[in-house]
Protein backbone atom coordinates (compact mmCIF):
# COMPACT_ATOMS: atom_id res chain seq x y z
CA UNK A 1 -0.16 0.13 -0.33
CA UNK A 2 1.04 3.28 -1.09
CA UNK A 3 2.35 6.15 1.82
CA UNK A 4 -0.66 8.72 0.96
CA UNK A 5 -4.07 8.47 3.02
CA UNK A 6 -7.01 5.91 1.53
CA UNK A 7 -10.29 7.30 0.24
CA UNK A 8 -12.59 5.37 2.21
CA UNK A 9 -16.32 5.67 0.20
CA UNK A 10 -19.24 4.68 2.17
CA UNK A 11 -18.89 3.20 5.30
CA UNK A 12 -21.35 1.21 7.54
CA UNK A 13 -25.11 2.07 7.14
CA UNK A 14 -25.93 4.92 10.12
CA UNK A 15 -29.29 3.25 10.04
CA UNK A 16 -29.23 2.92 13.65
CA UNK A 17 -27.93 7.01 14.24
CA UNK A 18 -30.55 8.87 16.21
CA UNK A 19 -30.38 12.21 14.91
CA UNK A 20 -32.98 14.19 16.85
CA UNK A 21 -31.02 17.23 18.10
CA UNK A 22 -33.58 18.49 19.95
CA UNK A 23 -33.06 19.63 23.96
CA UNK A 24 -32.66 16.87 26.32
CA UNK A 25 -36.91 17.53 27.52
CA UNK A 26 -37.60 17.51 24.35
CA UNK A 27 -36.00 14.59 23.45
CA UNK A 28 -37.94 12.38 26.61
CA UNK A 29 -40.98 13.75 24.83
CA UNK A 30 -40.17 12.68 21.59
CA UNK A 31 -38.90 8.91 22.46
CA UNK A 32 -41.92 8.27 24.77
CA UNK A 33 -44.24 9.46 22.38
CA UNK A 34 -43.26 7.25 20.21
CA UNK A 35 -43.26 3.97 21.52
CA UNK A 36 -46.70 5.38 23.75
CA UNK A 37 -49.80 5.75 21.39
CA UNK A 38 -52.00 7.33 24.71
CA UNK A 39 -48.80 9.73 25.50
CA UNK A 40 -48.79 10.38 21.19
CA UNK A 41 -52.05 11.53 21.21
CA UNK A 42 -51.23 13.76 24.33
CA UNK A 43 -48.59 14.89 23.08
CA UNK A 44 -49.86 15.98 19.74
CA UNK A 45 -52.67 17.62 21.42
CA UNK A 46 -50.63 20.05 24.20
CA UNK A 47 -47.42 19.26 24.52
CA UNK A 48 -46.71 21.12 27.47
CA UNK A 49 -49.93 19.51 29.37
CA UNK A 50 -47.70 16.09 28.25
CA UNK A 51 -45.04 17.16 30.07
CA UNK A 52 -46.43 17.64 33.11
CA UNK A 53 -48.13 14.66 32.91
CA UNK A 54 -44.49 12.69 33.36
CA UNK A 55 -43.47 15.37 36.17
CA UNK A 56 -40.94 16.32 33.33
CA UNK A 57 -40.15 20.03 34.09
CA UNK A 58 -39.41 22.07 30.61
CA UNK A 59 -36.82 25.18 30.22
CA UNK A 60 -37.97 28.24 28.57
CA UNK A 61 -36.28 27.55 25.31
CA UNK A 62 -38.28 23.71 25.41
CA UNK A 63 -41.20 25.37 25.68
CA UNK A 64 -40.87 28.26 23.00
CA UNK A 65 -40.09 25.28 20.55
CA UNK A 66 -43.15 23.11 21.58
CA UNK A 67 -45.38 26.22 21.40
CA UNK A 68 -44.22 27.14 18.08
CA UNK A 69 -43.99 23.97 16.54
CA UNK A 70 -47.32 22.94 14.52
CA UNK A 71 -48.76 19.33 14.83
CA UNK A 72 -47.93 18.34 11.90
CA UNK A 73 -44.41 19.58 12.40
CA UNK A 74 -44.48 17.18 15.93
CA UNK A 75 -45.58 14.59 13.71
CA UNK A 76 -42.70 14.24 11.53
CA UNK A 77 -40.44 14.91 14.68
CA UNK A 78 -41.96 11.79 16.26
CA UNK A 79 -41.76 9.70 13.12
CA UNK A 80 -38.01 10.23 12.59
CA UNK A 81 -37.42 9.95 16.06
CA UNK A 82 -35.53 6.61 16.88
CA UNK A 83 -35.71 4.41 20.22
CA UNK A 84 -33.27 1.18 20.54
CA UNK A 85 -34.91 -2.25 21.17
CA UNK A 86 -33.89 -2.12 24.73
CA UNK A 87 -35.04 1.31 25.49
CA UNK A 88 -38.51 0.63 24.51
CA UNK A 89 -40.02 -1.18 27.34
CA UNK A 90 -38.76 1.61 30.01
CA UNK A 91 -40.10 4.35 27.56
CA UNK A 92 -43.34 2.41 27.40
CA UNK A 93 -43.70 1.75 31.12
CA UNK A 94 -42.38 4.71 32.20
CA UNK A 95 -44.41 7.52 34.23
CA UNK A 96 -42.04 9.90 35.49
CA UNK A 97 -39.76 11.47 33.59
CA UNK A 98 -36.78 10.36 36.64
CA UNK A 99 -36.90 7.44 35.81
CA UNK A 100 -36.24 8.24 31.68
CA UNK A 101 -33.43 10.58 31.91
CA UNK A 102 -30.38 8.35 32.83
CA UNK A 103 -31.32 6.95 29.25
CA UNK A 104 -30.28 9.94 27.68
CA UNK A 105 -27.48 10.86 29.96
CA UNK A 106 -24.74 9.94 28.03
CA UNK A 107 -25.88 10.63 24.47
CA UNK A 108 -24.72 13.99 22.97
CA UNK A 109 -27.52 16.34 22.65
CA UNK A 110 -27.09 19.20 19.80
CA UNK A 111 -30.22 21.14 19.49
CA UNK A 112 -29.44 22.58 16.42
CA UNK A 113 -33.00 22.83 15.97
CA UNK A 114 -33.03 25.82 18.07
CA UNK A 115 -31.67 28.37 15.87
CA UNK A 116 -35.33 28.04 13.34
CA UNK A 117 -37.01 29.64 16.83
CA UNK A 118 -35.27 32.35 17.19
CA UNK A 119 -33.56 30.74 20.70
CA UNK A 120 -30.02 31.64 21.21
CA UNK A 121 -27.57 28.85 22.61
CA UNK A 122 -24.71 28.05 24.01
CA UNK A 123 -22.89 26.57 20.95
CA UNK A 124 -19.07 25.83 21.38
CA UNK A 125 -19.48 22.74 23.98
CA UNK A 126 -22.00 21.39 20.88
CA UNK A 127 -19.47 21.93 18.49
CA UNK A 128 -17.00 20.29 20.12
CA UNK A 129 -19.40 17.39 20.51
CA UNK A 130 -20.38 17.26 17.17
CA UNK A 131 -16.14 17.35 15.94
CA UNK A 132 -15.81 14.74 17.97
CA UNK A 133 -18.30 12.64 16.75
CA UNK A 134 -17.57 13.40 13.03
CA UNK A 135 -13.62 12.08 13.93
CA UNK A 136 -15.20 9.02 15.21
CA UNK A 137 -17.24 8.34 12.26
CA UNK A 138 -14.21 8.55 10.06
CA UNK A 139 -12.48 6.11 12.39
CA UNK A 140 -15.24 3.78 12.35
CA UNK A 141 -15.00 4.22 8.39
CA UNK A 142 -11.47 3.38 8.60
CA UNK A 143 -12.30 0.16 11.04
CA UNK A 144 -14.08 -1.65 8.24
CA UNK A 145 -11.49 -0.95 5.91
CA UNK A 146 -8.76 -2.26 8.10
CA UNK A 147 -10.80 -5.11 8.12
CA UNK A 148 -11.67 -5.21 4.64
CA UNK A 149 -7.41 -5.52 4.18
CA UNK A 150 -6.78 -7.73 6.90
CA UNK A 151 -9.57 -9.85 7.67
CA UNK A 152 -9.96 -8.46 11.33
CA UNK A 153 -10.05 -5.29 13.26
CA UNK A 154 -7.00 -3.88 14.94
CA UNK A 155 -6.21 -5.41 18.66
CA UNK A 156 -6.61 -3.49 21.83
CA UNK A 157 -2.41 -3.96 22.07
CA UNK A 158 -2.28 -2.27 18.26
CA UNK A 159 -4.62 0.72 18.83
CA UNK A 160 -2.54 1.36 22.39
CA UNK A 161 0.89 1.10 20.13
CA UNK A 162 3.59 3.45 19.06
CA UNK A 163 2.60 3.23 15.41
CA UNK A 164 -1.50 3.20 15.27
CA UNK A 165 -2.74 0.70 12.90
CA UNK A 166 -4.67 3.11 10.96
CA UNK A 167 -2.26 4.88 10.22
CA UNK A 168 -2.32 4.63 6.60
CA UNK A 169 -6.04 5.01 6.35
CA UNK A 170 -7.00 8.34 8.21
CA UNK A 171 -4.71 10.96 9.56
CA UNK A 172 -3.50 10.28 13.19
CA UNK A 173 -4.69 13.85 14.55
CA UNK A 174 -8.26 12.02 13.81
CA UNK A 175 -7.75 9.23 16.55
CA UNK A 176 -8.13 12.46 19.36
CA UNK A 177 -10.99 13.84 20.64
CA UNK A 178 -11.49 17.97 20.95
CA UNK A 179 -10.23 17.52 24.12
CA UNK A 180 -7.17 16.02 22.92
CA UNK A 181 -7.44 12.58 24.04
CA UNK A 182 -7.36 9.31 22.30
CA UNK A 183 -10.79 7.86 21.72
CA UNK A 184 -11.12 5.00 23.80
CA UNK A 185 -10.81 1.39 21.77
CA UNK A 186 -10.96 -2.07 22.83
CA UNK A 187 -11.21 -5.09 20.74
CA UNK A 188 -14.05 -7.62 21.74
CA UNK A 189 -12.81 -11.06 20.81
CA UNK A 190 -14.48 -14.46 20.84
CA UNK A 191 -12.13 -17.29 21.65
CA UNK A 192 -8.95 -15.76 19.81
CA UNK A 193 -10.56 -14.17 17.03
CA UNK A 194 -11.40 -10.33 17.25
CA UNK A 195 -15.10 -10.24 16.09
CA UNK A 196 -16.32 -6.42 17.27
CA UNK A 197 -14.69 -3.33 18.97
CA UNK A 198 -15.70 -0.88 21.22
CA UNK A 199 -15.33 3.10 20.80
CA UNK A 200 -15.90 6.38 22.38
CA UNK A 201 -15.02 9.36 23.68
CA UNK A 202 -14.49 9.95 27.43
CA UNK A 203 -15.96 13.21 26.95
CA UNK A 204 -14.96 16.75 28.78
CA UNK A 205 -14.57 15.12 32.19
CA UNK A 206 -12.56 12.24 31.73
CA UNK A 207 -12.98 11.15 34.95
CA UNK A 208 -17.26 10.88 35.07
CA UNK A 209 -18.66 8.23 32.22
CA UNK A 210 -21.95 10.67 32.24
CA UNK A 211 -20.55 12.78 29.62
CA UNK A 212 -19.14 10.33 27.60
CA UNK A 213 -19.92 10.48 23.65
CA UNK A 214 -20.54 7.04 21.90
CA UNK A 215 -19.33 6.04 18.46
CA UNK A 216 -21.92 7.28 15.85
CA UNK A 217 -22.80 4.21 13.47
CA UNK A 218 -24.16 1.56 15.21
CA UNK A 219 -23.67 2.71 18.51
CA UNK A 220 -25.41 0.16 20.35
CA UNK A 221 -23.23 -2.34 18.45
CA UNK A 222 -20.05 -0.84 19.72
CA UNK A 223 -20.79 0.73 22.86
CA UNK A 224 -18.91 -0.38 26.37
CA UNK A 225 -20.78 -2.51 28.75
CA UNK A 226 -20.71 -0.64 32.44
CA UNK A 227 -20.95 -2.52 35.70
CA UNK A 228 -23.94 -0.63 37.47
CA UNK A 229 -23.06 0.28 41.31
CA UNK A 230 -26.57 0.21 42.45
CA UNK A 231 -28.54 -3.38 42.91
CA UNK A 232 -31.68 -4.34 43.92
CA UNK A 233 -31.50 -6.88 46.51
CA UNK A 234 -35.47 -7.30 47.21
CA UNK A 235 -37.89 -8.15 45.57
CA UNK A 236 -35.79 -9.59 42.32
CA UNK A 237 -37.06 -10.10 38.89
CA UNK A 238 -40.47 -11.59 39.47
CA UNK A 239 -40.73 -12.15 42.99
CA UNK A 240 -44.13 -12.82 44.91
CA UNK A 241 -45.28 -10.28 47.46
CA UNK A 242 -48.60 -11.87 49.60
CA UNK A 243 -50.64 -8.95 50.89
CA UNK A 244 -53.62 -10.11 53.72
CA UNK A 245 -56.57 -7.58 52.98
CA UNK A 246 -58.79 -8.28 56.49
CA UNK A 247 -61.69 -6.33 57.69
CA UNK A 248 -59.51 -4.34 60.23
CA UNK A 249 -57.01 -3.04 57.64
CA UNK A 250 -54.14 -5.23 58.84
CA UNK A 251 -50.72 -3.11 57.92
CA UNK A 252 -49.26 -4.92 54.97
CA UNK A 253 -45.76 -3.64 55.20
CA UNK A 254 -42.63 -5.06 53.33
CA UNK A 255 -39.02 -3.82 53.88
CA UNK A 256 -37.24 -3.56 50.30
CA UNK A 257 -33.46 -3.68 49.82
CA UNK A 258 -30.81 -2.50 47.73
CA UNK A 259 -26.92 -2.01 47.86
CA UNK A 260 -24.66 0.34 46.10
CA UNK A 261 -20.60 -0.07 46.32
CA UNK A 262 -20.52 3.91 47.47
CA UNK A 263 -21.18 5.09 50.73
CA UNK A 264 -23.09 8.34 51.08
CA UNK A 265 -25.09 8.17 48.17
CA UNK A 266 -28.63 9.02 48.07
CA UNK A 267 -31.27 6.75 46.49
CA UNK A 268 -34.73 7.77 45.01
CA UNK A 269 -37.34 4.66 45.00
CA UNK A 270 -40.57 4.64 42.87
CA UNK A 271 -42.92 2.35 42.63
CA UNK A 272 -44.69 2.18 39.01
CA UNK A 273 -43.59 5.56 38.57
CA UNK A 274 -44.61 7.41 42.15
CA UNK A 275 -41.65 8.30 43.76
CA UNK A 276 -42.25 6.08 47.66
CA UNK A 277 -38.99 7.61 49.54
CA UNK A 278 -35.10 8.00 49.61
CA UNK A 279 -32.27 6.43 51.11
CA UNK A 280 -28.96 7.49 52.10
CA UNK A 281 -26.24 5.39 53.00
CA UNK A 282 -27.92 1.98 54.29
CA UNK A 283 -30.70 1.41 51.56
CA UNK A 284 -33.18 -0.24 53.06
CA UNK A 285 -36.68 0.96 52.91
CA UNK A 286 -40.00 0.17 54.98
CA UNK A 287 -43.24 0.61 52.41
CA UNK A 288 -46.47 -0.18 53.61
CA UNK A 289 -48.79 -1.26 50.20
CA UNK A 290 -51.54 0.83 50.36
CA UNK A 291 -54.88 -0.70 49.23
CA UNK A 292 -55.26 1.23 46.41
CA UNK A 293 -52.43 -0.73 44.67
CA UNK A 294 -53.67 -3.49 42.63
CA UNK A 295 -53.17 -6.95 42.30
CA UNK A 296 -50.66 -8.32 39.67
CA UNK A 297 -47.38 -7.26 38.62
CA UNK A 298 -45.72 -3.72 39.40
CA UNK A 299 -42.46 -1.81 38.53
CA UNK A 300 -39.59 -1.35 41.18
CA UNK A 301 -37.06 1.67 39.74
CA UNK A 302 -34.25 3.14 41.68
CA UNK A 303 -32.28 5.87 40.79
CA UNK A 304 -29.16 7.52 42.64
CA UNK A 305 -27.69 10.73 42.69
CA UNK A 306 -25.26 9.76 40.06
CA UNK A 307 -28.37 8.93 37.41
CA UNK A 308 -27.20 5.39 38.17
CA UNK A 309 -30.69 3.45 37.91
CA UNK A 310 -31.72 -0.11 37.93
CA UNK A 311 -35.61 -1.61 37.50
CA UNK A 312 -37.10 -4.85 38.73
CA UNK A 313 -40.65 -6.02 38.43
CA UNK A 314 -42.50 -7.89 41.01
CA UNK A 315 -45.90 -9.38 41.40
CA UNK A 316 -48.39 -8.97 44.50
CA UNK A 317 -51.04 -11.49 45.12
CA UNK A 318 -53.35 -11.78 48.13
CA UNK A 319 -52.79 -14.32 50.75
CA UNK A 320 -55.75 -16.78 51.12
CA UNK A 321 -56.16 -15.83 54.86
CA UNK A 322 -58.21 -19.32 55.47
CA UNK A 323 -55.74 -21.55 54.24
CA UNK A 324 -53.74 -20.17 56.30
CA UNK A 325 -55.28 -20.77 59.65
């Protein structure tokens, strides 16, 4: 191969790229409207009321956008919204915005739509995010061309070496984000073969993953899986909680348990979208099951102050009091 840089044509499909470049509040509304028909109907009739229905506090510029966007345009925006398969269930069942916030926490939001509405926005960070994504796009295209030439992706060791394996495919400056840090790359192996890769920018704050920028092409297939420090210990998925309904109104109280690998972290607890309390340090919560809570399946959702979140589903059944006597 000659010493000049190769021109890479095409690349992988961007079919799964989410191009909804809207502020975070509007993004939440659009994605929930995409998967929840009832919410979509309310959103199209009155976007601000829809936001209130999930306890979403919109910023003034977001309200201005929604107030000035025709219904027909909202329909187009919903139609063009992409929700990954593993997020559909949460967006469909979640009843409060707090339960949706973390899903989008690491996504890069670029409010390019604002300018058409005459709203001023900070552009410096947006431009840095966009530039880093475009560089990663070139890196991903180069990785595909490298695989065509060599039959495999580069190893992690090769990526970290002095002479990067993509040096003949793209300028080496493209291997760095706009904060001058090398993109985080890891080869994914099956047995001894490299079958995939993960790629991202560490964002402005390299010590926190919350502002990390995922690669733009098929990010779901090339994302890093992170160990969540928050865990639900009781109830576990599909656990059954039995209650007694008696004439004297017996106290049906259960103790819910969770754990967190960090001390002094606050956790908020939700059942079916309604907040039932919060805990600090020791995460056991006494919960009295109200008479209004129907029998059947329910959702327990926990989110900590760093926006780590977990969810589980449990069943409430009525105990046969006669059989227990």
